[in-house]
Amino acid sequence: MDCQKCALNIDSGSFRGQLFRAVPLEMRQIFICNNGICLDSSRRTLNDMRSLCPRDLWVLTFIGSKERFATEQAANTLDNLVAGGHAELLCSLFESAGYETRRTLWLRMTRCYPERLYMFDSLFERECLAPLVNGGLPVDLHIYQQQMLFGSCASQPGCDDL
């Protein structure tokens, strides 16, 4: 995303102050970008790969409530989280997002970053799925996809449950 067009960049002509009505006054500052230019994943250096843009914080905070801007920007946040190696936040993004957003993000992840699917190992292990080897796709990828799209509520009953 071009930071000069970001709705959270106070120096942008696209700044949308009405977004901040949902945020308590004392918390608004962490979501407002006033640096003029944020660094997106295509222009980052190694030193700032670990930093998150205010837009990423917005998405992580409001994706669970299906807030429109958060949903629209989820793919950019996914890119930044993968680039920065933020596995815990990436898992949180998937757990908080609604089905349609999770589906879009999963397709993006498998298309653009198949070698980084291991970042979801904590979610997979929680459901007794084997961790993924860095760079390798499992033969039974559809089982991992089922877990990512539907979570533990869609798990099949085990033999002991029947």
C-alpha atoms as a PDB file:
ATOM      1  CA  MET A   1       0.000   0.000   0.000  1.00  0.00           C
ATOM      2  CA  ASP A   2       1.173   3.504  -0.764  1.00  0.00           C
ATOM      3  CA  CYS A   3       1.495   5.256   2.587  1.00  0.00           C
ATOM      4  CA  GLN A   4       0.627   8.592   1.006  1.00  0.00           C
ATOM      5  CA  LYS A   5      -2.841   7.137   0.330  1.00  0.00           C
ATOM      6  CA  CYS A   6      -3.289   5.477   3.727  1.00  0.00           C
ATOM      7  CA  ALA A   7      -6.365   6.431   5.702  1.00  0.00           C
ATOM      8  CA  LEU A   8      -4.323   6.417   8.950  1.00  0.00           C
ATOM      9  CA  ASN A   9      -1.576   8.748   7.706  1.00  0.00           C
ATOM     10  CA  ILE A  10      -2.432  12.172   9.092  1.00  0.00           C
ATOM     11  CA  ASP A  11      -0.323  13.838   6.378  1.00  0.00           C
ATOM     12  CA  SER A  12      -2.224  12.051   3.616  1.00  0.00           C
ATOM     13  CA  GLY A  13      -5.047  13.485   1.577  1.00  0.00           C
ATOM     14  CA  SER A  14      -6.823  10.169   2.212  1.00  0.00           C
ATOM     15  CA  PHE A  15      -6.756  10.507   6.011  1.00  0.00           C
ATOM     16  CA  ARG A  16     -10.082   9.389   7.499  1.00  0.00           C
ATOM     17  CA  GLY A  17     -10.465  10.856  10.959  1.00  0.00           C
ATOM     18  CA  GLN A  18     -13.886   9.244  11.417  1.00  0.00           C
ATOM     19  CA  LEU A  19     -12.164   5.843  11.721  1.00  0.00           C
ATOM     20  CA  PHE A  20     -10.865   6.900  15.112  1.00  0.00           C
ATOM     21  CA  ARG A  21     -14.305   7.294  16.657  1.00  0.00           C
ATOM     22  CA  ALA A  22     -14.155   3.614  17.621  1.00  0.00           C
ATOM     23  CA  VAL A  23     -10.912   4.155  19.544  1.00  0.00           C
ATOM     24  CA  PRO A  24     -10.691   5.694  23.037  1.00  0.00           C
ATOM     25  CA  LEU A  25      -9.034   9.105  22.954  1.00  0.00           C
ATOM     26  CA  GLU A  26      -5.976   8.005  24.921  1.00  0.00           C
ATOM     27  CA  MET A  27      -5.334   5.132  22.464  1.00  0.00           C
ATOM     28  CA  ARG A  28      -5.667   7.020  19.181  1.00  0.00           C
ATOM     29  CA  GLN A  29      -2.046   8.065  18.987  1.00  0.00           C
ATOM     30  CA  ILE A  30      -0.765   4.521  18.405  1.00  0.00           C
ATOM     31  CA  PHE A  31      -2.966   4.174  15.313  1.00  0.00           C
ATOM     32  CA  ILE A  32      -2.207   7.543  13.719  1.00  0.00           C
ATOM     33  CA  CYS A  33       0.727   7.580  11.364  1.00  0.00           C
ATOM     34  CA  ASN A  34       2.284  11.007  11.375  1.00  0.00           C
ATOM     35  CA  ASN A  35       5.708  10.101  10.052  1.00  0.00           C
ATOM     36  CA  GLY A  36       4.792  11.217   6.554  1.00  0.00           C
ATOM     37  CA  ILE A  37       5.880   7.920   5.076  1.00  0.00           C
ATOM     38  CA  CYS A  38       5.532   4.484   6.625  1.00  0.00           C
ATOM     39  CA  LEU A  39       7.637   1.661   5.349  1.00  0.00           C
ATOM     40  CA  ASP A  40       5.767  -1.025   3.460  1.00  0.00           C
ATOM     41  CA  SER A  41       7.196  -4.518   3.010  1.00  0.00           C
ATOM     42  CA  SER A  42       8.523  -3.794  -0.502  1.00  0.00           C
ATOM     43  CA  ARG A  43      10.736  -0.917   0.733  1.00  0.00           C
ATOM     44  CA  ARG A  44      11.895  -2.205   4.109  1.00  0.00           C
ATOM     45  CA  THR A  45      15.482  -2.741   5.100  1.00  0.00           C
ATOM     46  CA  LEU A  46      16.614  -5.547   7.386  1.00  0.00           C
ATOM     47  CA  ASN A  47      16.791  -3.151  10.329  1.00  0.00           C
ATOM     48  CA  ASP A  48      13.117  -2.197  10.199  1.00  0.00           C
ATOM     49  CA  MET A  49      11.574  -5.537   9.122  1.00  0.00           C
ATOM     50  CA  ARG A  50      10.497  -6.192  12.706  1.00  0.00           C
ATOM     51  CA  SER A  51       8.597  -2.911  13.079  1.00  0.00           C
ATOM     52  CA  LEU A  52       4.875  -2.715  12.485  1.00  0.00           C
ATOM     53  CA  CYS A  53       3.042   0.083  10.728  1.00  0.00           C
ATOM     54  CA  PRO A  54       0.080   1.712  12.538  1.00  0.00           C
ATOM     55  CA  ARG A  55      -2.080   0.154   9.801  1.00  0.00           C
ATOM     56  CA  ASP A  56      -0.902  -3.315  10.895  1.00  0.00           C
ATOM     57  CA  LEU A  57      -1.801  -2.511  14.491  1.00  0.00           C
ATOM     58  CA  TRP A  58      -5.228  -1.333  13.330  1.00  0.00           C
ATOM     59  CA  VAL A  59      -5.813  -4.556  11.401  1.00  0.00           C
ATOM     60  CA  LEU A  60      -4.701  -6.754  14.295  1.00  0.00           C
ATOM     61  CA  THR A  61      -6.941  -4.826  16.682  1.00  0.00           C
ATOM     62  CA  PHE A  62     -10.115  -4.557  14.591  1.00  0.00           C
ATOM     63  CA  ILE A  63     -10.100  -7.599  12.278  1.00  0.00           C
ATOM     64  CA  GLY A  64     -12.150  -9.574  14.792  1.00  0.00           C
ATOM     65  CA  SER A  65     -14.986  -7.039  14.668  1.00  0.00           C
ATOM     66  CA  LYS A  66     -14.966  -7.160  10.852  1.00  0.00           C
ATOM     67  CA  GLU A  67     -14.215  -3.443  10.666  1.00  0.00           C
ATOM     68  CA  ARG A  68     -14.116  -2.487   6.990  1.00  0.00           C
ATOM     69  CA  PHE A  69     -10.687  -0.805   6.831  1.00  0.00           C
ATOM     70  CA  ALA A  70      -9.115  -3.663   8.798  1.00  0.00           C
ATOM     71  CA  THR A  71     -10.617  -6.238   6.455  1.00  0.00           C
ATOM     72  CA  GLU A  72      -9.504  -4.318   3.367  1.00  0.00           C
ATOM     73  CA  GLN A  73      -5.934  -4.027   4.644  1.00  0.00           C
ATOM     74  CA  ALA A  74      -5.544  -7.571   6.004  1.00  0.00           C
ATOM     75  CA  ALA A  75      -3.527  -8.772   2.985  1.00  0.00           C
ATOM     76  CA  ASN A  76      -0.983  -5.953   3.419  1.00  0.00           C
ATOM     77  CA  THR A  77      -0.685  -6.791   7.086  1.00  0.00           C
ATOM     78  CA  LEU A  78      -0.160 -10.461   6.240  1.00  0.00           C
ATOM     79  CA  ASP A  79       2.711  -9.453   3.944  1.00  0.00           C
ATOM     80  CA  ASN A  80       4.297  -7.326   6.675  1.00  0.00           C
ATOM     81  CA  LEU A  81       3.904 -10.015   9.340  1.00  0.00           C
ATOM     82  CA  VAL A  82       5.463 -12.665   7.110  1.00  0.00           C
ATOM     83  CA  ALA A  83       8.320 -10.347   6.108  1.00  0.00           C
ATOM     84  CA  GLY A  84       8.977  -9.475   9.742  1.00  0.00           C
ATOM     85  CA  GLY A  85       8.771 -13.068  10.987  1.00  0.00           C
ATOM     86  CA  HIS A  86       5.898 -12.319  13.385  1.00  0.00           C
ATOM     87  CA  ALA A  87       4.493 -15.856  13.652  1.00  0.00           C
ATOM     88  CA  GLU A  88       2.463 -15.192  16.816  1.00  0.00           C
ATOM     89  CA  LEU A  89       0.793 -12.129  15.327  1.00  0.00           C
ATOM     90  CA  LEU A  90       0.149 -13.976  12.071  1.00  0.00           C
ATOM     91  CA  CYS A  91      -1.615 -16.745  13.985  1.00  0.00           C
ATOM     92  CA  SER A  92      -3.612 -14.122  15.884  1.00  0.00           C
ATOM     93  CA  LEU A  93      -4.633 -12.483  12.607  1.00  0.00           C
ATOM     94  CA  PHE A  94      -6.001 -15.794  11.312  1.00  0.00           C
ATOM     95  CA  GLU A  95      -7.742 -16.680  14.566  1.00  0.00           C
ATOM     96  CA  SER A  96      -9.458 -13.302  14.768  1.00  0.00           C
ATOM     97  CA  ALA A  97     -10.505 -12.920  11.129  1.00  0.00           C
ATOM     98  CA  GLY A  98     -13.866 -14.013   9.780  1.00  0.00           C
ATOM     99  CA  TYR A  99     -14.164 -16.929   7.386  1.00  0.00           C
ATOM    100  CA  GLU A 100     -14.043 -14.927   4.129  1.00  0.00           C
ATOM    101  CA  THR A 101     -10.998 -12.977   5.243  1.00  0.00           C
ATOM    102  CA  ARG A 102      -9.255 -16.139   6.493  1.00  0.00           C
ATOM    103  CA  ARG A 103      -9.960 -17.798   3.155  1.00  0.00           C
ATOM    104  CA  THR A 104      -8.467 -14.857   1.222  1.00  0.00           C
ATOM    105  CA  LEU A 105      -5.444 -14.734   3.517  1.00  0.00           C
ATOM    106  CA  TRP A 106      -4.873 -18.507   3.320  1.00  0.00           C
ATOM    107  CA  LEU A 107      -4.946 -18.403  -0.483  1.00  0.00           C
ATOM    108  CA  ARG A 108      -2.489 -15.502  -0.457  1.00  0.00           C
ATOM    109  CA  MET A 109      -0.240 -17.300   2.001  1.00  0.00           C
ATOM    110  CA  THR A 110      -0.152 -20.533  -0.010  1.00  0.00           C
ATOM    111  CA  ARG A 111       0.342 -18.672  -3.299  1.00  0.00           C
ATOM    112  CA  CYS A 112       2.928 -16.089  -2.208  1.00  0.00           C
ATOM    113  CA  TYR A 113       4.653 -17.666   0.818  1.00  0.00           C
ATOM    114  CA  PRO A 114       4.329 -21.480   0.696  1.00  0.00           C
ATOM    115  CA  GLU A 115       7.806 -21.819   2.179  1.00  0.00           C
ATOM    116  CA  ARG A 116       6.692 -19.850   5.270  1.00  0.00           C
ATOM    117  CA  LEU A 117       3.642 -21.953   6.213  1.00  0.00           C
ATOM    118  CA  TYR A 118       5.676 -23.230   9.146  1.00  0.00           C
ATOM    119  CA  MET A 119       4.799 -19.920  10.827  1.00  0.00           C
ATOM    120  CA  PHE A 120       1.422 -21.518  11.656  1.00  0.00           C
ATOM    121  CA  ASP A 121       2.950 -24.509  13.438  1.00  0.00           C
ATOM    122  CA  SER A 122       1.595 -23.475  16.841  1.00  0.00           C
ATOM    123  CA  LEU A 123      -1.958 -23.568  15.435  1.00  0.00           C
ATOM    124  CA  PHE A 124      -1.316 -26.876  13.687  1.00  0.00           C
ATOM    125  CA  GLU A 125       0.252 -28.516  16.734  1.00  0.00           C
ATOM    126  CA  ARG A 126      -2.696 -27.458  18.900  1.00  0.00           C
ATOM    127  CA  GLU A 127      -4.874 -29.616  16.638  1.00  0.00           C
ATOM    128  CA  CYS A 128      -2.362 -32.500  16.638  1.00  0.00           C
ATOM    129  CA  LEU A 129      -1.139 -31.798  13.106  1.00  0.00           C
ATOM    130  CA  ALA A 130       2.532 -32.338  12.420  1.00  0.00           C
ATOM    131  CA  PRO A 131       4.632 -29.186  12.197  1.00  0.00           C
ATOM    132  CA  LEU A 132       5.613 -28.203   8.674  1.00  0.00           C
ATOM    133  CA  VAL A 133       9.187 -28.427   7.524  1.00  0.00           C
ATOM    134  CA  ASN A 134      10.594 -25.082   6.380  1.00  0.00           C
ATOM    135  CA  GLY A 135      10.090 -24.850   2.624  1.00  0.00           C
ATOM    136  CA  GLY A 136       8.096 -28.047   2.205  1.00  0.00           C
ATOM    137  CA  LEU A 137       4.405 -28.497   1.513  1.00  0.00           C
ATOM    138  CA  PRO A 138       2.729 -31.560   2.997  1.00  0.00           C
ATOM    139  CA  VAL A 139       0.957 -34.016   0.737  1.00  0.00           C
ATOM    140  CA  ASP A 140      -2.164 -33.598   2.861  1.00  0.00           C
ATOM    141  CA  LEU A 141      -2.244 -29.786   2.646  1.00  0.00           C
ATOM    142  CA  HIS A 142      -6.052 -29.898   2.536  1.00  0.00           C
ATOM    143  CA  ILE A 143      -6.109 -31.002   6.198  1.00  0.00           C
ATOM    144  CA  TYR A 144      -4.025 -27.980   7.184  1.00  0.00           C
ATOM    145  CA  GLN A 145      -6.273 -25.776   5.069  1.00  0.00           C
ATOM    146  CA  GLN A 146      -9.346 -27.171   6.843  1.00  0.00           C
ATOM    147  CA  GLN A 147      -7.781 -26.251  10.174  1.00  0.00           C
ATOM    148  CA  MET A 148      -6.923 -22.725   9.056  1.00  0.00           C
ATOM    149  CA  LEU A 149     -10.337 -22.009   7.554  1.00  0.00           C
ATOM    150  CA  PHE A 150     -12.604 -23.589  10.135  1.00  0.00           C
ATOM    151  CA  GLY A 151     -10.477 -23.918  13.267  1.00  0.00           C
ATOM    152  CA  SER A 152     -10.988 -26.420  16.029  1.00  0.00           C
ATOM    153  CA  CYS A 153     -14.764 -26.072  15.912  1.00  0.00           C
ATOM    154  CA  ALA A 154     -14.720 -27.982  12.615  1.00  0.00           C
ATOM    155  CA  SER A 155     -12.474 -30.796  13.823  1.00  0.00           C
ATOM    156  CA  GLN A 156     -13.691 -34.240  13.056  1.00  0.00           C
ATOM    157  CA  PRO A 157     -14.570 -36.365  16.071  1.00  0.00           C
ATOM    158  CA  GLY A 158     -11.941 -38.886  17.061  1.00  0.00           C
ATOM    159  CA  CYS A 159     -12.571 -42.584  17.515  1.00  0.00           C
ATOM    160  CA  ASP A 160     -12.950 -42.102  21.272  1.00  0.00           C
ATOM    161  CA  ASP A 161     -15.734 -39.565  20.664  1.00  0.00           C
ATOM    162  CA  LEU A 162     -17.885 -41.985  18.679  1.00  0.00           C
END
